Amino acid sequence: MLPELTYAWIFNEYPSFVHQDNRRFVSQETGNLYIAKVEASDVGNYTCVVTNTVTNSRVLGPPTPLILRNDGVMGEYEPKIEVQFPETVPSAKGTAVKLECFALGK
């Protein structure tokens, strides 16, 4: 069964979508965009695109700017692990199960 909502992110202008790789990840659970080790090439505007797969309609959020700070200050982020696992994850033998876990902070 396909999810009713899917998430993607546009980088600067359509049709330049963010492609997932070893530094970029788009959660299909929350719609969040995660970027590890931000580089100068990541600077720009990011726009979330939510697609309803049932009606095939799309909604775009407002652009969110990503700015690279030159002062080296990351801010006051305590180390934190974000997990949103359900109590149990039923699955058939031999099927793949994907669990999202993110380590954040400094």
N, C-alpha and C. Protein backbone atom coordinates (compact mmCIF):
# COMPACT_ATOMS: atom_id res chain seq x y z
N MET A 1 0.84 -1.18 0.00
CA MET A 1 0.00 0.00 0.00
C MET A 1 0.88 1.24 0.00
N LEU A 2 0.64 2.14 -0.90
CA LEU A 2 1.41 3.38 -1.00
C LEU A 2 0.98 4.37 0.06
N PRO A 3 1.91 5.19 0.55
CA PRO A 3 1.51 6.22 1.51
C PRO A 3 0.65 7.28 0.81
N GLU A 4 -0.28 7.86 1.57
CA GLU A 4 -1.14 8.89 0.99
C GLU A 4 -0.40 10.21 0.77
N LEU A 5 0.59 10.47 1.62
CA LEU A 5 1.38 11.70 1.48
C LEU A 5 2.84 11.35 1.25
N THR A 6 3.47 12.05 0.32
CA THR A 6 4.91 11.91 0.13
C THR A 6 5.53 13.30 0.23
N TYR A 7 6.79 13.33 0.62
CA TYR A 7 7.49 14.59 0.85
C TYR A 7 8.73 14.69 -0.02
N ALA A 8 8.98 15.90 -0.51
CA ALA A 8 10.19 16.19 -1.27
C ALA A 8 10.56 17.64 -0.96
N TRP A 9 11.78 18.01 -1.30
CA TRP A 9 12.25 19.38 -1.08
C TRP A 9 12.86 19.92 -2.36
N ILE A 10 12.50 21.17 -2.69
CA ILE A 10 13.09 21.88 -3.83
C ILE A 10 14.24 22.71 -3.30
N PHE A 11 15.36 22.67 -4.01
CA PHE A 11 16.51 23.50 -3.66
C PHE A 11 16.55 24.68 -4.62
N ASN A 12 16.34 25.88 -4.11
CA ASN A 12 16.28 27.15 -4.83
C ASN A 12 15.08 27.23 -5.76
N GLU A 13 15.10 26.61 -6.92
CA GLU A 13 13.98 26.75 -7.84
C GLU A 13 13.59 25.40 -8.44
N TYR A 14 12.30 25.25 -8.73
CA TYR A 14 11.81 24.06 -9.43
C TYR A 14 12.47 24.01 -10.80
N PRO A 15 12.91 22.90 -11.30
CA PRO A 15 12.73 21.52 -10.83
C PRO A 15 13.95 20.97 -10.10
N SER A 16 14.69 21.80 -9.40
CA SER A 16 15.90 21.33 -8.70
C SER A 16 15.51 20.73 -7.35
N PHE A 17 15.23 19.42 -7.34
CA PHE A 17 14.86 18.74 -6.10
C PHE A 17 16.11 18.29 -5.35
N VAL A 18 16.02 18.24 -4.02
CA VAL A 18 17.10 17.72 -3.19
C VAL A 18 17.16 16.21 -3.40
N HIS A 19 18.32 15.71 -3.78
CA HIS A 19 18.51 14.27 -3.97
C HIS A 19 19.15 13.70 -2.71
N GLN A 20 18.59 12.61 -2.22
CA GLN A 20 19.14 11.99 -1.02
C GLN A 20 20.48 11.34 -1.34
N ASP A 21 21.41 11.50 -0.42
CA ASP A 21 22.72 10.87 -0.54
C ASP A 21 23.24 10.62 0.87
N ASN A 22 24.56 10.51 1.02
CA ASN A 22 25.11 10.23 2.35
C ASN A 22 25.03 11.43 3.29
N ARG A 23 24.67 12.63 2.79
CA ARG A 23 24.54 13.81 3.65
C ARG A 23 23.11 14.33 3.74
N ARG A 24 22.25 13.96 2.82
CA ARG A 24 20.89 14.51 2.78
C ARG A 24 19.86 13.39 2.89
N PHE A 25 18.83 13.64 3.70
CA PHE A 25 17.79 12.65 3.91
C PHE A 25 16.45 13.36 4.10
N VAL A 26 15.42 12.88 3.41
CA VAL A 26 14.06 13.40 3.57
C VAL A 26 13.23 12.31 4.24
N SER A 27 12.75 12.61 5.45
CA SER A 27 11.93 11.65 6.18
C SER A 27 10.55 11.58 5.55
N GLN A 28 10.13 10.38 5.18
CA GLN A 28 8.78 10.20 4.66
C GLN A 28 7.77 10.00 5.80
N GLU A 29 8.27 10.01 7.03
CA GLU A 29 7.38 9.95 8.20
C GLU A 29 6.97 11.36 8.62
N THR A 30 7.93 12.28 8.65
CA THR A 30 7.67 13.64 9.15
C THR A 30 7.75 14.72 8.08
N GLY A 31 8.41 14.42 6.96
CA GLY A 31 8.63 15.44 5.93
C GLY A 31 9.88 16.26 6.18
N ASN A 32 10.56 16.03 7.30
CA ASN A 32 11.76 16.81 7.64
C ASN A 32 12.90 16.53 6.67
N LEU A 33 13.67 17.58 6.39
CA LEU A 33 14.89 17.46 5.60
C LEU A 33 16.07 17.53 6.56
N TYR A 34 16.96 16.56 6.48
CA TYR A 34 18.15 16.53 7.31
C TYR A 34 19.37 16.65 6.41
N ILE A 35 20.29 17.57 6.79
CA ILE A 35 21.54 17.73 6.05
C ILE A 35 22.68 17.63 7.05
N ALA A 36 23.58 16.70 6.82
CA ALA A 36 24.75 16.53 7.69
C ALA A 36 25.92 17.29 7.09
N LYS A 37 26.75 17.84 7.94
CA LYS A 37 27.98 18.52 7.51
C LYS A 37 27.68 19.54 6.41
N VAL A 38 26.93 20.57 6.76
CA VAL A 38 26.52 21.59 5.80
C VAL A 38 27.74 22.22 5.14
N GLU A 39 27.67 22.36 3.81
CA GLU A 39 28.75 22.94 3.02
C GLU A 39 28.24 24.20 2.32
N ALA A 40 29.15 24.98 1.77
CA ALA A 40 28.79 26.21 1.07
C ALA A 40 27.81 25.94 -0.07
N SER A 41 27.93 24.79 -0.71
CA SER A 41 27.04 24.45 -1.83
C SER A 41 25.60 24.18 -1.38
N ASP A 42 25.38 24.02 -0.07
CA ASP A 42 24.04 23.79 0.47
C ASP A 42 23.28 25.09 0.71
N VAL A 43 23.97 26.22 0.67
CA VAL A 43 23.34 27.51 0.95
C VAL A 43 22.32 27.83 -0.13
N GLY A 44 21.14 28.24 0.30
CA GLY A 44 20.07 28.59 -0.64
C GLY A 44 18.73 28.50 0.03
N ASN A 45 17.68 28.46 -0.76
CA ASN A 45 16.31 28.36 -0.25
C ASN A 45 15.77 26.96 -0.47
N TYR A 46 15.12 26.42 0.55
CA TYR A 46 14.53 25.09 0.50
C TYR A 46 13.03 25.21 0.66
N THR A 47 12.30 24.54 -0.23
CA THR A 47 10.84 24.57 -0.21
C THR A 47 10.31 23.15 -0.12
N CYS A 48 9.47 22.88 0.88
CA CYS A 48 8.88 21.55 1.06
C CYS A 48 7.72 21.37 0.09
N VAL A 49 7.66 20.18 -0.52
CA VAL A 49 6.57 19.83 -1.42
C VAL A 49 5.87 18.59 -0.86
N VAL A 50 4.60 18.73 -0.55
CA VAL A 50 3.82 17.61 -0.03
C VAL A 50 2.86 17.17 -1.14
N THR A 51 2.91 15.90 -1.50
CA THR A 51 2.05 15.37 -2.56
C THR A 51 1.06 14.38 -1.97
N ASN A 52 -0.22 14.58 -2.29
CA ASN A 52 -1.26 13.63 -1.93
C ASN A 52 -1.35 12.64 -3.08
N THR A 53 -0.94 11.40 -2.83
CA THR A 53 -0.90 10.40 -3.91
C THR A 53 -2.29 9.92 -4.31
N VAL A 54 -3.30 10.15 -3.48
CA VAL A 54 -4.66 9.73 -3.82
C VAL A 54 -5.25 10.69 -4.85
N THR A 55 -5.10 12.01 -4.59
CA THR A 55 -5.68 13.01 -5.50
C THR A 55 -4.65 13.54 -6.49
N ASN A 56 -3.38 13.15 -6.30
CA ASN A 56 -2.27 13.63 -7.13
C ASN A 56 -2.16 15.16 -7.11
N SER A 57 -2.45 15.74 -5.94
CA SER A 57 -2.32 17.20 -5.80
C SER A 57 -1.09 17.51 -4.95
N ARG A 58 -0.54 18.70 -5.16
CA ARG A 58 0.67 19.12 -4.45
C ARG A 58 0.45 20.45 -3.74
N VAL A 59 1.13 20.59 -2.61
CA VAL A 59 1.13 21.85 -1.88
C VAL A 59 2.58 22.18 -1.57
N LEU A 60 2.96 23.44 -1.81
CA LEU A 60 4.32 23.90 -1.52
C LEU A 60 4.31 24.78 -0.28
N GLY A 61 5.28 24.55 0.58
CA GLY A 61 5.43 25.40 1.76
C GLY A 61 6.20 26.65 1.38
N PRO A 62 6.40 27.54 2.35
CA PRO A 62 7.18 28.75 2.07
C PRO A 62 8.67 28.40 1.97
N PRO A 63 9.44 29.17 1.19
CA PRO A 63 10.88 28.92 1.12
C PRO A 63 11.55 29.17 2.47
N THR A 64 12.47 28.29 2.82
CA THR A 64 13.23 28.44 4.06
C THR A 64 14.70 28.61 3.69
N PRO A 65 15.31 29.75 4.07
CA PRO A 65 16.71 29.96 3.70
C PRO A 65 17.67 29.19 4.61
N LEU A 66 18.71 28.64 4.00
CA LEU A 66 19.81 28.05 4.76
C LEU A 66 21.01 28.97 4.55
N ILE A 67 21.55 29.47 5.66
CA ILE A 67 22.68 30.40 5.61
C ILE A 67 23.85 29.75 6.33
N LEU A 68 25.01 29.80 5.74
CA LEU A 68 26.21 29.24 6.35
C LEU A 68 26.87 30.31 7.20
N ARG A 69 27.02 30.03 8.49
CA ARG A 69 27.65 30.99 9.39
C ARG A 69 29.16 30.89 9.27
N ASN A 70 29.81 32.02 9.29
CA ASN A 70 31.28 32.06 9.17
C ASN A 70 31.98 32.15 10.52
N ASP A 71 31.20 32.38 11.60
CA ASP A 71 31.83 32.56 12.91
C ASP A 71 32.11 31.25 13.62
N GLY A 72 31.71 30.14 13.03
CA GLY A 72 31.99 28.84 13.62
C GLY A 72 31.11 28.49 14.80
N VAL A 73 30.16 29.37 15.16
CA VAL A 73 29.29 29.11 16.29
C VAL A 73 28.08 28.33 15.81
N MET A 74 27.89 27.16 16.37
CA MET A 74 26.77 26.33 15.98
C MET A 74 25.53 26.65 16.80
N GLY A 75 25.71 27.23 17.95
CA GLY A 75 24.59 27.48 18.85
C GLY A 75 24.66 26.50 20.01
N GLU A 76 23.73 26.64 20.89
CA GLU A 76 23.72 25.81 22.08
C GLU A 76 22.84 24.59 21.87
N TYR A 77 23.38 23.58 21.22
CA TYR A 77 22.63 22.36 20.97
C TYR A 77 23.26 21.23 21.75
N GLU A 78 22.55 20.77 22.77
CA GLU A 78 23.05 19.62 23.52
C GLU A 78 22.88 18.37 22.66
N PRO A 79 23.78 17.40 22.82
CA PRO A 79 23.61 16.15 22.07
C PRO A 79 22.25 15.53 22.36
N LYS A 80 21.61 15.06 21.33
CA LYS A 80 20.26 14.52 21.47
C LYS A 80 20.04 13.47 20.39
N ILE A 81 19.37 12.40 20.76
CA ILE A 81 19.02 11.38 19.77
C ILE A 81 17.50 11.41 19.62
N GLU A 82 17.05 11.60 18.39
CA GLU A 82 15.62 11.63 18.13
C GLU A 82 15.18 10.28 17.58
N VAL A 83 14.24 9.67 18.28
CA VAL A 83 13.71 8.40 17.83
C VAL A 83 12.19 8.46 17.93
N GLN A 84 11.53 7.94 16.94
CA GLN A 84 10.08 7.90 16.98
C GLN A 84 9.61 6.49 16.64
N PHE A 85 10.20 5.51 17.34
CA PHE A 85 9.85 4.13 17.07
C PHE A 85 8.54 3.78 17.76
N PRO A 86 7.68 3.03 17.08
CA PRO A 86 6.49 2.52 17.77
C PRO A 86 6.90 1.44 18.76
N GLU A 87 6.01 1.10 19.68
CA GLU A 87 6.30 0.07 20.68
C GLU A 87 6.68 -1.25 20.02
N THR A 88 5.94 -1.64 18.99
CA THR A 88 6.25 -2.85 18.23
C THR A 88 6.15 -2.54 16.73
N VAL A 89 6.92 -3.27 15.94
CA VAL A 89 6.89 -3.12 14.49
C VAL A 89 6.62 -4.48 13.87
N PRO A 90 5.33 -4.79 13.62
CA PRO A 90 5.04 -6.09 13.01
C PRO A 90 5.50 -6.13 11.56
N SER A 91 6.09 -7.23 11.16
CA SER A 91 6.52 -7.38 9.77
C SER A 91 6.59 -8.86 9.43
N ALA A 92 6.46 -9.13 8.15
CA ALA A 92 6.55 -10.52 7.70
C ALA A 92 8.02 -10.92 7.60
N LYS A 93 8.28 -12.18 7.83
CA LYS A 93 9.65 -12.70 7.76
C LYS A 93 10.21 -12.44 6.36
N GLY A 94 11.43 -11.90 6.32
CA GLY A 94 12.10 -11.64 5.05
C GLY A 94 11.82 -10.27 4.46
N THR A 95 10.94 -9.49 5.10
CA THR A 95 10.66 -8.15 4.58
C THR A 95 11.58 -7.14 5.25
N ALA A 96 11.81 -6.02 4.58
CA ALA A 96 12.68 -4.97 5.12
C ALA A 96 11.88 -4.04 6.01
N VAL A 97 12.49 -3.62 7.11
CA VAL A 97 11.88 -2.66 8.02
C VAL A 97 12.86 -1.50 8.15
N LYS A 98 12.38 -0.27 7.99
CA LYS A 98 13.23 0.90 8.09
C LYS A 98 12.86 1.69 9.33
N LEU A 99 13.82 1.92 10.21
CA LEU A 99 13.63 2.70 11.42
C LEU A 99 14.48 3.96 11.32
N GLU A 100 13.89 5.12 11.63
CA GLU A 100 14.63 6.38 11.54
C GLU A 100 15.13 6.79 12.92
N CYS A 101 16.42 7.11 12.98
CA CYS A 101 17.03 7.56 14.22
C CYS A 101 18.05 8.64 13.84
N PHE A 102 18.02 9.78 14.52
CA PHE A 102 18.91 10.88 14.20
C PHE A 102 19.66 11.34 15.43
N ALA A 103 20.96 11.53 15.28
CA ALA A 103 21.78 12.09 16.34
C ALA A 103 22.03 13.55 15.99
N LEU A 104 21.68 14.44 16.90
CA LEU A 104 21.81 15.87 16.67
C LEU A 104 22.67 16.49 17.76
N GLY A 105 23.22 17.64 17.49
CA GLY A 105 23.90 18.39 18.52
C GLY A 105 25.38 18.55 18.32
N LYS A 106 26.01 19.04 19.36
CA LYS A 106 27.43 19.35 19.31
C LYS A 106 28.10 18.77 20.52
